[in-house]
Amino acid sequence: MAVQGGAKCIKYLMFFFNFIFFVLGIGIIVGGSLTLTVYQEYVDFTGDTGTAIPIALICIGVFIFLTGFFGCCGAIKENYCMLGAYAAIMVILLILELAAGIAGYVLRDDIDNLVDKNMKELMPKYNESESTQKLFDDMQTNLKCCGVNNYTNWLGWNQSQPNTVPESCCVQPGTGCNNLGSPSFNIHTDGCYDSLKDLLITNIGIVAGVAIGIAVIEVFGIIFACCLMRAIKSEYEVV
């Protein structure tokens, strides 16, 4: 039996909100995947702790995507049991998001310290490992930075040319650009620690903003589901 009056309006509002929820689920999956790509690129600095956060976000995004689809079906079919299951799942999802948010807040200092520690430990291996060299060169080129705290961290890295920095620190590659004693030297002076930290925080911040928006929609979804369930139950009691 189809609901009537105000309940019918709630039914379509619930469908509308869950459709948005469905789309935002896709958005958080994409956002989490992009964040994971950034974290994996610098996994030697962030460690497994860093990649755990975007992976958790992707899992939540998949859950949100499926729940939104489930909510749309429950609203259209006016199925009391389906709506009850949907409301319960939404409550669980809110709790999981809250737990993920708390975990991310608690781990932020750990990731911060881990990046600083790993950078300083890997820098002396620049001349010994091609993978470490590529990691630093790519980071310094992409983030336009030099060294951990600043370019002076590289002083003495090359025993044959102690007054130089890696060429990846150069603003524009060219002869003498990395020689601090050359008139033509032109390098990035900002440290990579702050640049990388800002990049990671920015990516997590964007995903967190999307998650907050989804949480607001979840609350509306729970309210609409409960109202629609009550209306469906009333219709059956009248019959």
C-alpha atoms as a PDB file:
ATOM      1  CA  MET A   1       0.000   0.000   0.000  1.00  0.00           C
ATOM      2  CA  ALA A   2       1.423   3.369  -1.027  1.00  0.00           C
ATOM      3  CA  VAL A   3       1.840   6.077   1.618  1.00  0.00           C
ATOM      4  CA  GLN A   4      -0.103   9.285   1.186  1.00  0.00           C
ATOM      5  CA  GLY A   5       0.163  12.990   2.037  1.00  0.00           C
ATOM      6  CA  GLY A   6       3.203  14.160   4.006  1.00  0.00           C
ATOM      7  CA  ALA A   7       4.638  10.648   4.126  1.00  0.00           C
ATOM      8  CA  LYS A   8       4.734  10.597   0.327  1.00  0.00           C
ATOM      9  CA  CYS A   9       6.776  13.812   0.409  1.00  0.00           C
ATOM     10  CA  ILE A  10       9.156  12.210   2.945  1.00  0.00           C
ATOM     11  CA  LYS A  11       9.464   9.200   0.656  1.00  0.00           C
ATOM     12  CA  TYR A  12      10.701  11.293  -2.267  1.00  0.00           C
ATOM     13  CA  LEU A  13      12.899  13.451  -0.026  1.00  0.00           C
ATOM     14  CA  MET A  14      14.512  10.296   1.288  1.00  0.00           C
ATOM     15  CA  PHE A  15      15.057   9.052  -2.258  1.00  0.00           C
ATOM     16  CA  PHE A  16      16.600  12.421  -3.197  1.00  0.00           C
ATOM     17  CA  PHE A  17      18.950  12.507  -0.184  1.00  0.00           C
ATOM     18  CA  ASN A  18      20.020   8.920  -0.746  1.00  0.00           C
ATOM     19  CA  PHE A  19      20.718   9.610  -4.397  1.00  0.00           C
ATOM     20  CA  ILE A  20      23.046  12.417  -3.258  1.00  0.00           C
ATOM     21  CA  PHE A  21      24.460  10.004  -0.674  1.00  0.00           C
ATOM     22  CA  PHE A  22      25.013   7.469  -3.460  1.00  0.00           C
ATOM     23  CA  VAL A  23      26.920  10.048  -5.559  1.00  0.00           C
ATOM     24  CA  LEU A  24      28.969  11.273  -2.579  1.00  0.00           C
ATOM     25  CA  GLY A  25      29.906   7.664  -1.878  1.00  0.00           C
ATOM     26  CA  ILE A  26      31.494   7.594  -5.318  1.00  0.00           C
ATOM     27  CA  GLY A  27      33.161  10.924  -4.510  1.00  0.00           C
ATOM     28  CA  ILE A  28      34.744   9.679  -1.292  1.00  0.00           C
ATOM     29  CA  ILE A  29      35.965   6.519  -3.064  1.00  0.00           C
ATOM     30  CA  VAL A  30      37.642   8.675  -5.719  1.00  0.00           C
ATOM     31  CA  GLY A  31      39.003  11.099  -3.102  1.00  0.00           C
ATOM     32  CA  GLY A  32      40.316   8.261  -0.950  1.00  0.00           C
ATOM     33  CA  SER A  33      41.935   6.630  -3.999  1.00  0.00           C
ATOM     34  CA  LEU A  34      43.680   9.862  -4.990  1.00  0.00           C
ATOM     35  CA  THR A  35      44.865  10.368  -1.409  1.00  0.00           C
ATOM     36  CA  LEU A  36      46.131   6.775  -1.325  1.00  0.00           C
ATOM     37  CA  THR A  37      48.057   7.448  -4.557  1.00  0.00           C
ATOM     38  CA  VAL A  38      49.777  10.435  -2.936  1.00  0.00           C
ATOM     39  CA  TYR A  39      50.544   8.482   0.253  1.00  0.00           C
ATOM     40  CA  GLN A  40      51.891   5.481  -1.682  1.00  0.00           C
ATOM     41  CA  GLU A  41      54.196   7.761  -3.659  1.00  0.00           C
ATOM     42  CA  TYR A  42      55.827   8.764  -0.364  1.00  0.00           C
ATOM     43  CA  VAL A  43      55.212   5.519   1.553  1.00  0.00           C
ATOM     44  CA  ASP A  44      58.911   5.353   2.497  1.00  0.00           C
ATOM     45  CA  PHE A  45      58.326   8.535   4.497  1.00  0.00           C
ATOM     46  CA  THR A  46      54.787   7.936   5.825  1.00  0.00           C
ATOM     47  CA  GLY A  47      55.006   4.171   6.471  1.00  0.00           C
ATOM     48  CA  ASP A  48      52.030   1.791   6.584  1.00  0.00           C
ATOM     49  CA  THR A  49      50.313   4.009   9.159  1.00  0.00           C
ATOM     50  CA  GLY A  50      49.885   6.717   6.535  1.00  0.00           C
ATOM     51  CA  THR A  51      48.309   4.447   3.907  1.00  0.00           C
ATOM     52  CA  ALA A  52      45.888   2.963   6.461  1.00  0.00           C
ATOM     53  CA  ILE A  53      43.882   6.211   6.609  1.00  0.00           C
ATOM     54  CA  PRO A  54      43.023   6.522   2.871  1.00  0.00           C
ATOM     55  CA  ILE A  55      42.354   2.757   2.675  1.00  0.00           C
ATOM     56  CA  ALA A  56      39.857   3.119   5.538  1.00  0.00           C
ATOM     57  CA  LEU A  57      38.234   6.043   3.690  1.00  0.00           C
ATOM     58  CA  ILE A  58      37.888   3.976   0.512  1.00  0.00           C
ATOM     59  CA  CYS A  59      36.198   1.168   2.481  1.00  0.00           C
ATOM     60  CA  ILE A  60      33.802   3.652   4.063  1.00  0.00           C
ATOM     61  CA  GLY A  61      33.136   5.132   0.604  1.00  0.00           C
ATOM     62  CA  VAL A  62      32.191   1.705  -0.781  1.00  0.00           C
ATOM     63  CA  PHE A  63      29.920   1.150   2.218  1.00  0.00           C
ATOM     64  CA  ILE A  64      28.313   4.574   1.673  1.00  0.00           C
ATOM     65  CA  PHE A  65      27.823   3.837  -2.029  1.00  0.00           C
ATOM     66  CA  LEU A  66      26.021   0.542  -1.322  1.00  0.00           C
ATOM     67  CA  THR A  67      23.987   2.024   1.538  1.00  0.00           C
ATOM     68  CA  GLY A  68      22.795   4.903  -0.670  1.00  0.00           C
ATOM     69  CA  PHE A  69      21.646   2.425  -3.297  1.00  0.00           C
ATOM     70  CA  PHE A  70      19.923   0.361  -0.593  1.00  0.00           C
ATOM     71  CA  GLY A  71      18.192   3.488   0.773  1.00  0.00           C
ATOM     72  CA  CYS A  72      16.883   4.498  -2.653  1.00  0.00           C
ATOM     73  CA  CYS A  73      15.381   1.036  -3.175  1.00  0.00           C
ATOM     74  CA  GLY A  74      13.849   0.988   0.311  1.00  0.00           C
ATOM     75  CA  ALA A  75      12.210   4.376  -0.224  1.00  0.00           C
ATOM     76  CA  ILE A  76      10.735   3.522  -3.628  1.00  0.00           C
ATOM     77  CA  LYS A  77       9.490   0.068  -2.592  1.00  0.00           C
ATOM     78  CA  GLU A  78       8.224   1.350   0.796  1.00  0.00           C
ATOM     79  CA  ASN A  79       9.572  -1.803   2.411  1.00  0.00           C
ATOM     80  CA  TYR A  80       9.434  -1.523   6.226  1.00  0.00           C
ATOM     81  CA  CYS A  81      12.120  -4.155   6.893  1.00  0.00           C
ATOM     82  CA  MET A  82      14.452  -2.709   4.272  1.00  0.00           C
ATOM     83  CA  LEU A  83      14.043   0.779   5.725  1.00  0.00           C
ATOM     84  CA  GLY A  84      14.683  -0.546   9.243  1.00  0.00           C
ATOM     85  CA  ALA A  85      17.871  -2.273   8.087  1.00  0.00           C
ATOM     86  CA  TYR A  86      18.877   0.895   6.235  1.00  0.00           C
ATOM     87  CA  ALA A  87      18.429   3.070   9.357  1.00  0.00           C
ATOM     88  CA  ALA A  88      20.468   0.590  11.442  1.00  0.00           C
ATOM     89  CA  ILE A  89      23.261   0.547   8.844  1.00  0.00           C
ATOM     90  CA  MET A  90      23.307   4.349   8.768  1.00  0.00           C
ATOM     91  CA  VAL A  91      23.729   4.507  12.550  1.00  0.00           C
ATOM     92  CA  ILE A  92      26.591   1.990  12.363  1.00  0.00           C
ATOM     93  CA  LEU A  93      28.151   3.993   9.522  1.00  0.00           C
ATOM     94  CA  LEU A  94      28.024   7.196  11.577  1.00  0.00           C
ATOM     95  CA  ILE A  95      29.775   5.399  14.436  1.00  0.00           C
ATOM     96  CA  LEU A  96      32.454   4.053  12.046  1.00  0.00           C
ATOM     97  CA  GLU A  97      33.034   7.519  10.580  1.00  0.00           C
ATOM     98  CA  LEU A  98      33.349   8.969  14.063  1.00  0.00           C
ATOM     99  CA  ALA A  99      35.855   6.228  14.977  1.00  0.00           C
ATOM    100  CA  ALA A 100      37.830   6.846  11.752  1.00  0.00           C
ATOM    101  CA  GLY A 101      37.865  10.591  12.452  1.00  0.00           C
ATOM    102  CA  ILE A 102      39.141  10.058  16.004  1.00  0.00           C
ATOM    103  CA  ALA A 103      41.784   7.591  14.754  1.00  0.00           C
ATOM    104  CA  GLY A 104      42.933  10.075  12.099  1.00  0.00           C
ATOM    105  CA  TYR A 105      43.170  12.856  14.702  1.00  0.00           C
ATOM    106  CA  VAL A 106      45.133  10.625  17.102  1.00  0.00           C
ATOM    107  CA  LEU A 107      47.486   9.348  14.366  1.00  0.00           C
ATOM    108  CA  ARG A 108      48.218  12.756  12.851  1.00  0.00           C
ATOM    109  CA  ASP A 109      51.141  13.416  15.215  1.00  0.00           C
ATOM    110  CA  ASP A 110      52.478   9.877  14.683  1.00  0.00           C
ATOM    111  CA  ILE A 111      52.486  10.389  10.897  1.00  0.00           C
ATOM    112  CA  ASP A 112      54.055  13.824  11.355  1.00  0.00           C
ATOM    113  CA  ASN A 113      56.901  12.413  13.476  1.00  0.00           C
ATOM    114  CA  LEU A 114      57.266   9.385  11.194  1.00  0.00           C
ATOM    115  CA  VAL A 115      57.749  11.570   8.094  1.00  0.00           C
ATOM    116  CA  ASP A 116      60.424  13.641   9.855  1.00  0.00           C
ATOM    117  CA  LYS A 117      62.214  10.554  11.214  1.00  0.00           C
ATOM    118  CA  ASN A 118      62.162   8.615   7.924  1.00  0.00           C
ATOM    119  CA  MET A 119      63.342  11.593   5.886  1.00  0.00           C
ATOM    120  CA  LYS A 120      66.345  12.132   8.136  1.00  0.00           C
ATOM    121  CA  GLU A 121      67.189   8.419   8.144  1.00  0.00           C
ATOM    122  CA  LEU A 122      66.919   8.041   4.358  1.00  0.00           C
ATOM    123  CA  MET A 123      68.812  11.191   3.355  1.00  0.00           C
ATOM    124  CA  PRO A 124      72.316   9.738   4.139  1.00  0.00           C
ATOM    125  CA  LYS A 125      71.462   6.802   1.833  1.00  0.00           C
ATOM    126  CA  TYR A 126      70.938   9.108  -1.164  1.00  0.00           C
ATOM    127  CA  ASN A 127      74.244   8.079  -2.770  1.00  0.00           C
ATOM    128  CA  GLU A 128      73.865   4.402  -1.842  1.00  0.00           C
ATOM    129  CA  SER A 129      70.410   3.533  -3.145  1.00  0.00           C
ATOM    130  CA  GLU A 130      68.887   4.347  -6.535  1.00  0.00           C
ATOM    131  CA  SER A 131      65.360   4.014  -5.122  1.00  0.00           C
ATOM    132  CA  THR A 132      66.132   6.514  -2.331  1.00  0.00           C
ATOM    133  CA  GLN A 133      67.742   8.872  -4.835  1.00  0.00           C
ATOM    134  CA  LYS A 134      64.696   8.702  -7.094  1.00  0.00           C
ATOM    135  CA  LEU A 135      62.376   9.204  -4.122  1.00  0.00           C
ATOM    136  CA  PHE A 136      64.120  12.406  -3.038  1.00  0.00           C
ATOM    137  CA  ASP A 137      64.601  13.695  -6.574  1.00  0.00           C
ATOM    138  CA  ASP A 138      60.938  13.183  -7.475  1.00  0.00           C
ATOM    139  CA  MET A 139      59.789  14.765  -4.229  1.00  0.00           C
ATOM    140  CA  GLN A 140      62.081  17.789  -4.553  1.00  0.00           C
ATOM    141  CA  THR A 141      61.087  18.312  -8.180  1.00  0.00           C
ATOM    142  CA  ASN A 142      57.336  17.866  -7.634  1.00  0.00           C
ATOM    143  CA  LEU A 143      57.060  19.779  -4.353  1.00  0.00           C
ATOM    144  CA  LYS A 144      59.657  22.422  -5.295  1.00  0.00           C
ATOM    145  CA  CYS A 145      61.638  21.935  -2.097  1.00  0.00           C
ATOM    146  CA  CYS A 146      65.159  21.002  -1.002  1.00  0.00           C
ATOM    147  CA  GLY A 147      66.370  18.992   1.970  1.00  0.00           C
ATOM    148  CA  VAL A 148      64.378  18.024   5.061  1.00  0.00           C
ATOM    149  CA  ASN A 149      64.230  21.390   6.847  1.00  0.00           C
ATOM    150  CA  ASN A 150      66.023  23.432   4.154  1.00  0.00           C
ATOM    151  CA  TYR A 151      68.757  23.150   1.519  1.00  0.00           C
ATOM    152  CA  THR A 152      71.574  23.221   4.132  1.00  0.00           C
ATOM    153  CA  ASN A 153      70.702  19.613   5.078  1.00  0.00           C
ATOM    154  CA  TRP A 154      72.460  18.552   1.862  1.00  0.00           C
ATOM    155  CA  LEU A 155      75.788  20.238   2.660  1.00  0.00           C
ATOM    156  CA  GLY A 156      78.532  17.609   2.513  1.00  0.00           C
ATOM    157  CA  TRP A 157      76.340  14.989   0.791  1.00  0.00           C
ATOM    158  CA  ASN A 158      78.816  14.792  -2.107  1.00  0.00           C
ATOM    159  CA  GLN A 159      82.385  14.492  -0.821  1.00  0.00           C
ATOM    160  CA  SER A 160      83.901  15.505  -4.151  1.00  0.00           C
ATOM    161  CA  GLN A 161      81.644  18.586  -4.334  1.00  0.00           C
ATOM    162  CA  PRO A 162      80.715  19.407  -0.709  1.00  0.00           C
ATOM    163  CA  ASN A 163      79.275  22.832  -1.494  1.00  0.00           C
ATOM    164  CA  THR A 164      76.492  21.524  -3.727  1.00  0.00           C
ATOM    165  CA  VAL A 165      72.969  20.149  -3.439  1.00  0.00           C
ATOM    166  CA  PRO A 166      71.268  17.581  -5.720  1.00  0.00           C
ATOM    167  CA  GLU A 167      70.243  18.995  -9.104  1.00  0.00           C
ATOM    168  CA  SER A 168      66.610  18.181  -8.279  1.00  0.00           C
ATOM    169  CA  CYS A 169      66.742  21.190  -5.927  1.00  0.00           C
ATOM    170  CA  CYS A 170      67.273  23.546  -8.867  1.00  0.00           C
ATOM    171  CA  VAL A 171      64.492  25.914  -9.875  1.00  0.00           C
ATOM    172  CA  GLN A 172      65.648  25.643 -13.473  1.00  0.00           C
ATOM    173  CA  PRO A 173      68.163  22.903 -14.415  1.00  0.00           C
ATOM    174  CA  GLY A 174      71.389  24.282 -15.769  1.00  0.00           C
ATOM    175  CA  THR A 175      75.157  24.353 -15.348  1.00  0.00           C
ATOM    176  CA  GLY A 176      76.106  25.413 -11.815  1.00  0.00           C
ATOM    177  CA  CYS A 177      72.478  25.698 -10.651  1.00  0.00           C
ATOM    178  CA  ASN A 178      73.171  23.348  -7.730  1.00  0.00           C
ATOM    179  CA  ASN A 179      76.576  24.783  -6.759  1.00  0.00           C
ATOM    180  CA  LEU A 180      76.132  27.130  -3.789  1.00  0.00           C
ATOM    181  CA  GLY A 181      79.449  28.800  -4.644  1.00  0.00           C
ATOM    182  CA  SER A 182      78.466  29.525  -8.239  1.00  0.00           C
ATOM    183  CA  PRO A 183      76.939  32.896  -9.238  1.00  0.00           C
ATOM    184  CA  SER A 184      74.380  31.017 -11.331  1.00  0.00           C
ATOM    185  CA  PHE A 185      73.038  28.814  -8.521  1.00  0.00           C
ATOM    186  CA  ASN A 186      69.249  28.930  -8.264  1.00  0.00           C
ATOM    187  CA  ILE A 187      67.592  26.442  -5.925  1.00  0.00           C
ATOM    188  CA  HIS A 188      64.434  25.937  -3.906  1.00  0.00           C
ATOM    189  CA  THR A 189      65.070  26.948  -0.316  1.00  0.00           C
ATOM    190  CA  ASP A 190      61.969  25.533   1.406  1.00  0.00           C
ATOM    191  CA  GLY A 191      62.352  22.212   3.211  1.00  0.00           C
ATOM    192  CA  CYS A 192      60.506  19.131   1.956  1.00  0.00           C
ATOM    193  CA  TYR A 193      59.253  18.139   5.408  1.00  0.00           C
ATOM    194  CA  ASP A 194      56.830  21.076   5.612  1.00  0.00           C
ATOM    195  CA  SER A 195      55.889  20.789   1.930  1.00  0.00           C
ATOM    196  CA  LEU A 196      55.074  17.074   2.175  1.00  0.00           C
ATOM    197  CA  LYS A 197      53.205  17.528   5.456  1.00  0.00           C
ATOM    198  CA  ASP A 198      51.090  20.310   3.915  1.00  0.00           C
ATOM    199  CA  LEU A 199      50.339  18.113   0.882  1.00  0.00           C
ATOM    200  CA  LEU A 200      49.193  15.190   3.044  1.00  0.00           C
ATOM    201  CA  ILE A 201      47.114  17.425   5.334  1.00  0.00           C
ATOM    202  CA  THR A 202      45.472  19.112   2.337  1.00  0.00           C
ATOM    203  CA  ASN A 203      44.454  15.781   0.778  1.00  0.00           C
ATOM    204  CA  ILE A 204      43.111  14.432   4.068  1.00  0.00           C
ATOM    205  CA  GLY A 205      41.342  17.759   4.697  1.00  0.00           C
ATOM    206  CA  ILE A 206      39.475  17.574   1.387  1.00  0.00           C
ATOM    207  CA  VAL A 207      38.313  14.018   2.063  1.00  0.00           C
ATOM    208  CA  ALA A 208      37.378  14.958   5.652  1.00  0.00           C
ATOM    209  CA  GLY A 209      35.230  17.818   4.321  1.00  0.00           C
ATOM    210  CA  VAL A 210      33.394  15.407   2.027  1.00  0.00           C
ATOM    211  CA  ALA A 211      32.953  12.999   4.949  1.00  0.00           C
ATOM    212  CA  ILE A 212      31.387  15.739   7.109  1.00  0.00           C
ATOM    213  CA  GLY A 213      28.944  16.573   4.308  1.00  0.00           C
ATOM    214  CA  ILE A 214      28.033  12.896   4.031  1.00  0.00           C
ATOM    215  CA  ALA A 215      27.525  12.660   7.806  1.00  0.00           C
ATOM    216  CA  VAL A 216      24.966  15.490   7.645  1.00  0.00           C
ATOM    217  CA  ILE A 217      23.102  13.681   4.866  1.00  0.00           C
ATOM    218  CA  GLU A 218      23.238  10.475   6.912  1.00  0.00           C
ATOM    219  CA  VAL A 219      21.445  12.173   9.809  1.00  0.00           C
ATOM    220  CA  PHE A 220      18.683  13.356   7.444  1.00  0.00           C
ATOM    221  CA  GLY A 221      18.535   9.864   5.942  1.00  0.00           C
ATOM    222  CA  ILE A 222      18.009   8.280   9.371  1.00  0.00           C
ATOM    223  CA  ILE A 223      15.294  10.802  10.255  1.00  0.00           C
ATOM    224  CA  PHE A 224      13.474  10.314   6.935  1.00  0.00           C
ATOM    225  CA  ALA A 225      13.745   6.509   7.201  1.00  0.00           C
ATOM    226  CA  CYS A 226      12.244   6.528  10.704  1.00  0.00           C
ATOM    227  CA  CYS A 227       9.423   8.877   9.612  1.00  0.00           C
ATOM    228  CA  LEU A 228       8.656   6.764   6.546  1.00  0.00           C
ATOM    229  CA  MET A 229       8.704   3.568   8.611  1.00  0.00           C
ATOM    230  CA  ARG A 230       6.244   5.130  11.040  1.00  0.00           C
ATOM    231  CA  ALA A 231       3.970   6.183   8.156  1.00  0.00           C
ATOM    232  CA  ILE A 232       4.078   2.701   6.589  1.00  0.00           C
ATOM    233  CA  LYS A 233       3.281   1.116   9.963  1.00  0.00           C
ATOM    234  CA  SER A 234       0.348   3.522  10.444  1.00  0.00           C
ATOM    235  CA  GLU A 235      -1.044   2.657   6.987  1.00  0.00           C
ATOM    236  CA  TYR A 236      -0.993  -1.059   7.831  1.00  0.00           C
ATOM    237  CA  GLU A 237      -2.597  -0.466  11.228  1.00  0.00           C
ATOM    238  CA  VAL A 238      -5.431   1.470   9.543  1.00  0.00           C
ATOM    239  CA  VAL A 239      -5.999  -1.403   7.138  1.00  0.00           C
END
